């Protein structure tokens, strides 16, 4: 099936690589979200190592993974022992709007999707907390949309990072529910 929610770089083979910096992501998560449990939505989990850490270390009732179809087998293989994980291909993305999540995670993913796709997710997702590490150097509209999403929480923090040698890469953390 052709996935129409991909930018041309992904369709043509593009970057499509995994960042493999889970230890840094875990450190950032633990700095900003000490005591957590409940349901999680992660968009673009890469290898699934970050998801595995969360599933092993937090009281997770359900973990939903949304990714492009070609990457889902990689994540499924790593997380095969976890019975509380659901998988959705990106063409099914609107199904994530049917549920509420305690934590929404996206690391280096939504900036690689078409703007209308990421915009719809940021507008419609129902979540109490967010952990987003992202930013797009060439698209101020995406960065503004991401900042607005972060500010829609009762508590929000934007933390510059030294990842990827980019001034636009930041951790956007929202907590306390959306306003």
Foldseek 3Di string as FASTA:
>chain_A
DDAPFFDVLVVVVHPPADPPPLVVLVVVCCVPPPADEEEEEEEPCHQQPNVVVCVVPHHYQAYEYEYAPVRVVNNCVVCVVDPRYHYHYNSPVVVQLVDAGAEYEYEAPPVRTDPVSSLCCLVRHHYAKYWYWYFDPVDVPVLVSLVVSLVQAPDWDWAQDPPPVDRGTIIIIHHGGGD
